C-alpha cells in the first residue's frame, strides 16, 4: 500500500472533480507551488494511484438517455467461455460497465440505450448474439443517484 499524506489526498480530491485543471490551479487549491505539485502528481501516476484520465460523455446527448442493468447467466462457466463472453461484452458500444459477479447470475452488465426500442435492439442485435447465454433479467434505471468513476480518497 502506498503512503499518502494530506497533500496527496487533497490533490486526488481536486483531480477527481476536475481532471483537466491546470497544474497552477491545482497547486493553488492544495497550497503548493507548481513545481512540487507537478512532482506529486507524476509520483501518484507512476505509483499507480492515478490509473488514468477519462472523458465522460453525456449519454443522453449521444442518443442513449436510458440506463439498463442486465443480469446474465451463462450456459457454462469454464475459463474459455468466461474469457470469450467478457471480450465480447467489452466490444459492445452500449455497454458502460460489465462485471463478473458471484451469486445467482454470472455477469452484471450496465448499458446505455435509447428507450425500450433501443434496449430491444441491443438485446436482439448485440447481446443475444454472444454465444453461451442461458438467461438474462433486466431492470431500467429510473434515476441515477450517484455516479463515480473511482473510489474517493479518504
Protein backbone atom coordinates (compact mmCIF):
# COMPACT_ATOMS: atom_id res chain seq x y z
CA UNK A 1 0.00 0.00 0.00
CA UNK A 2 1.27 3.44 -0.90
CA UNK A 3 1.66 6.06 1.82
CA UNK A 4 -0.45 9.13 1.05
CA UNK A 5 -0.17 12.30 3.09
CA UNK A 6 -2.76 15.07 3.47
CA UNK A 7 -1.47 16.97 0.42
CA UNK A 8 -1.63 13.84 -1.76
CA UNK A 9 -5.24 13.32 -0.67
CA UNK A 10 -6.09 16.97 -1.47
CA UNK A 11 -4.56 16.54 -4.93
CA UNK A 12 -6.61 13.39 -5.54
CA UNK A 13 -9.85 15.05 -4.40
CA UNK A 14 -9.27 18.02 -6.69
CA UNK A 15 -8.37 15.85 -9.69
CA UNK A 16 -11.36 13.58 -9.13
CA UNK A 17 -13.69 16.54 -9.59
CA UNK A 18 -11.73 18.31 -12.34
CA UNK A 19 -9.11 16.19 -14.09
CA UNK A 20 -8.38 18.90 -16.68
CA UNK A 21 -7.45 21.50 -14.11
CA UNK A 22 -4.16 23.23 -14.84
CA UNK A 23 -1.19 22.42 -12.65
CA UNK A 24 -1.06 26.05 -11.49
CA UNK A 25 -4.73 26.00 -10.42
CA UNK A 26 -4.27 22.60 -8.74
CA UNK A 27 -1.22 23.89 -6.88
CA UNK A 28 -3.17 26.95 -5.68
CA UNK A 29 -6.06 24.79 -4.47
CA UNK A 30 -3.86 22.42 -2.47
CA UNK A 31 -1.45 25.03 -1.12
CA UNK A 32 1.70 24.15 -3.05
CA UNK A 33 3.83 25.90 -5.61
CA UNK A 34 3.52 24.48 -9.16
CA UNK A 35 6.78 22.51 -9.26
CA UNK A 36 6.23 20.36 -6.14
CA UNK A 37 2.59 19.90 -7.13
CA UNK A 38 3.64 18.63 -10.58
CA UNK A 39 6.15 16.26 -8.95
CA UNK A 40 3.50 14.85 -6.63
CA UNK A 41 1.01 14.28 -9.46
CA UNK A 42 3.68 12.50 -11.52
CA UNK A 43 4.61 10.33 -8.50
CA UNK A 44 0.94 9.44 -7.95
CA UNK A 45 0.70 8.46 -11.63
CA UNK A 46 3.96 6.50 -11.56
CA UNK A 47 2.93 4.59 -8.43
CA UNK A 48 -0.44 3.72 -9.97
CA UNK A 49 -2.61 5.69 -7.56
CA UNK A 50 -3.78 7.74 -10.53
CA UNK A 51 -4.56 5.00 -13.05
CA UNK A 52 -5.59 7.32 -15.89
CA UNK A 53 -7.75 10.18 -17.03
CA UNK A 54 -11.04 9.85 -18.91
CA UNK A 55 -13.57 11.98 -20.72
CA UNK A 56 -17.13 11.47 -19.52
CA UNK A 57 -19.83 11.85 -22.15
CA UNK A 58 -23.47 12.73 -21.58
CA UNK A 59 -25.20 9.56 -22.79
CA UNK A 60 -28.46 11.47 -23.48
CA UNK A 61 -26.59 13.87 -25.78
CA UNK A 62 -25.31 10.80 -27.65
CA UNK A 63 -28.84 9.46 -28.15
CA UNK A 64 -28.80 6.86 -25.37
CA UNK A 65 -30.52 8.53 -22.41
CA UNK A 66 -31.64 5.37 -20.61
CA UNK A 67 -29.59 3.03 -18.44
CA UNK A 68 -30.47 -0.63 -18.15
CA UNK A 69 -28.95 -3.15 -15.75
CA UNK A 70 -28.81 -6.67 -17.19
CA UNK A 71 -28.10 -9.77 -15.12
CA UNK A 72 -26.73 -12.54 -17.34
CA UNK A 73 -26.37 -16.26 -16.63
CA UNK A 74 -24.17 -18.36 -18.91
CA UNK A 75 -24.59 -21.99 -20.01
CA UNK A 76 -21.09 -22.93 -18.89
CA UNK A 77 -18.50 -21.49 -16.54
CA UNK A 78 -15.20 -22.71 -17.92
CA UNK A 79 -12.35 -20.25 -18.46
CA UNK A 80 -12.75 -20.22 -22.23
CA UNK A 81 -16.45 -19.32 -22.03
CA UNK A 82 -15.86 -16.60 -19.43
CA UNK A 83 -12.98 -15.11 -21.43
CA UNK A 84 -14.91 -15.11 -24.72
CA UNK A 85 -18.04 -13.65 -23.17
CA UNK A 86 -16.10 -10.94 -21.33
CA UNK A 87 -14.22 -9.98 -24.50
CA UNK A 88 -17.46 -9.82 -26.49
CA UNK A 89 -19.08 -7.56 -23.86
CA UNK A 90 -16.08 -5.24 -23.98
CA UNK A 91 -16.69 -4.72 -27.71
CA UNK A 92 -20.32 -3.60 -27.36
CA UNK A 93 -20.56 0.21 -27.56
CA UNK A 94 -23.73 0.33 -25.44
CA UNK A 95 -22.02 -1.39 -22.50
CA UNK A 96 -20.84 1.11 -19.90
CA UNK A 97 -19.74 -1.48 -17.35
CA UNK A 98 -19.61 -5.25 -17.13
CA UNK A 99 -18.75 -7.24 -14.02
CA UNK A 100 -18.20 -10.96 -13.49
CA UNK A 101 -20.04 -11.46 -10.19
CA UNK A 102 -20.93 -14.04 -7.55
CA UNK A 103 -24.49 -15.00 -6.76
CA UNK A 104 -27.49 -16.09 -8.81
CA UNK A 105 -26.14 -14.79 -12.13
CA UNK A 106 -22.70 -14.57 -13.72
CA UNK A 107 -22.45 -11.05 -15.13
CA UNK A 108 -23.85 -7.68 -14.26
CA UNK A 109 -23.99 -5.52 -17.38
CA UNK A 110 -24.84 -1.82 -17.38
CA UNK A 111 -25.78 -0.45 -20.79
CA UNK A 112 -26.88 2.89 -22.24
CA UNK A 113 -29.85 2.58 -24.59
CA UNK A 114 -32.48 4.70 -26.31
CA UNK A 115 -35.65 3.61 -24.54
CA UNK A 116 -37.32 0.23 -24.82
CA UNK A 117 -36.84 0.14 -28.59
CA UNK A 118 -33.12 0.76 -28.22
CA UNK A 119 -32.97 -1.84 -25.50
CA UNK A 120 -34.71 -4.43 -27.67
CA UNK A 121 -32.21 -3.71 -30.48
CA UNK A 122 -29.33 -4.04 -28.00
CA UNK A 123 -30.65 -7.42 -26.83
CA UNK A 124 -31.52 -8.85 -30.23
CA UNK A 125 -28.69 -7.44 -32.35
CA UNK A 126 -25.85 -7.40 -29.84
CA UNK A 127 -26.15 -9.19 -26.52
CA UNK A 128 -28.09 -12.28 -27.58
CA UNK A 129 -25.70 -12.86 -30.47
CA UNK A 130 -22.94 -13.64 -27.99
CA UNK A 131 -22.84 -17.44 -27.64
CA UNK A 132 -23.41 -19.04 -24.26
CA UNK A 133 -26.20 -17.01 -22.66
CA UNK A 134 -28.71 -19.17 -20.80
CA UNK A 135 -30.79 -16.46 -19.15
CA UNK A 136 -30.97 -12.71 -18.63
CA UNK A 137 -33.01 -10.39 -16.46
CA UNK A 138 -33.16 -6.62 -16.86
CA UNK A 139 -34.11 -3.52 -14.93
CA UNK A 140 -34.26 0.06 -16.20
CA UNK A 141 -32.71 2.73 -14.03
CA UNK A 142 -35.27 5.38 -13.14
CA UNK A 143 -32.74 7.90 -11.89
CA UNK A 144 -29.02 7.93 -11.19
CA UNK A 145 -28.47 8.85 -7.56
CA UNK A 146 -24.68 8.73 -7.62
CA UNK A 147 -22.07 8.25 -10.32
CA UNK A 148 -18.40 7.97 -9.55
CA UNK A 149 -15.63 6.51 -11.63
CA UNK A 150 -13.36 5.53 -8.79
CA UNK A 151 -13.37 5.34 -5.05
CA UNK A 152 -12.68 8.70 -3.46
CA UNK A 153 -9.64 9.33 -1.33
CA UNK A 154 -10.27 9.03 2.41
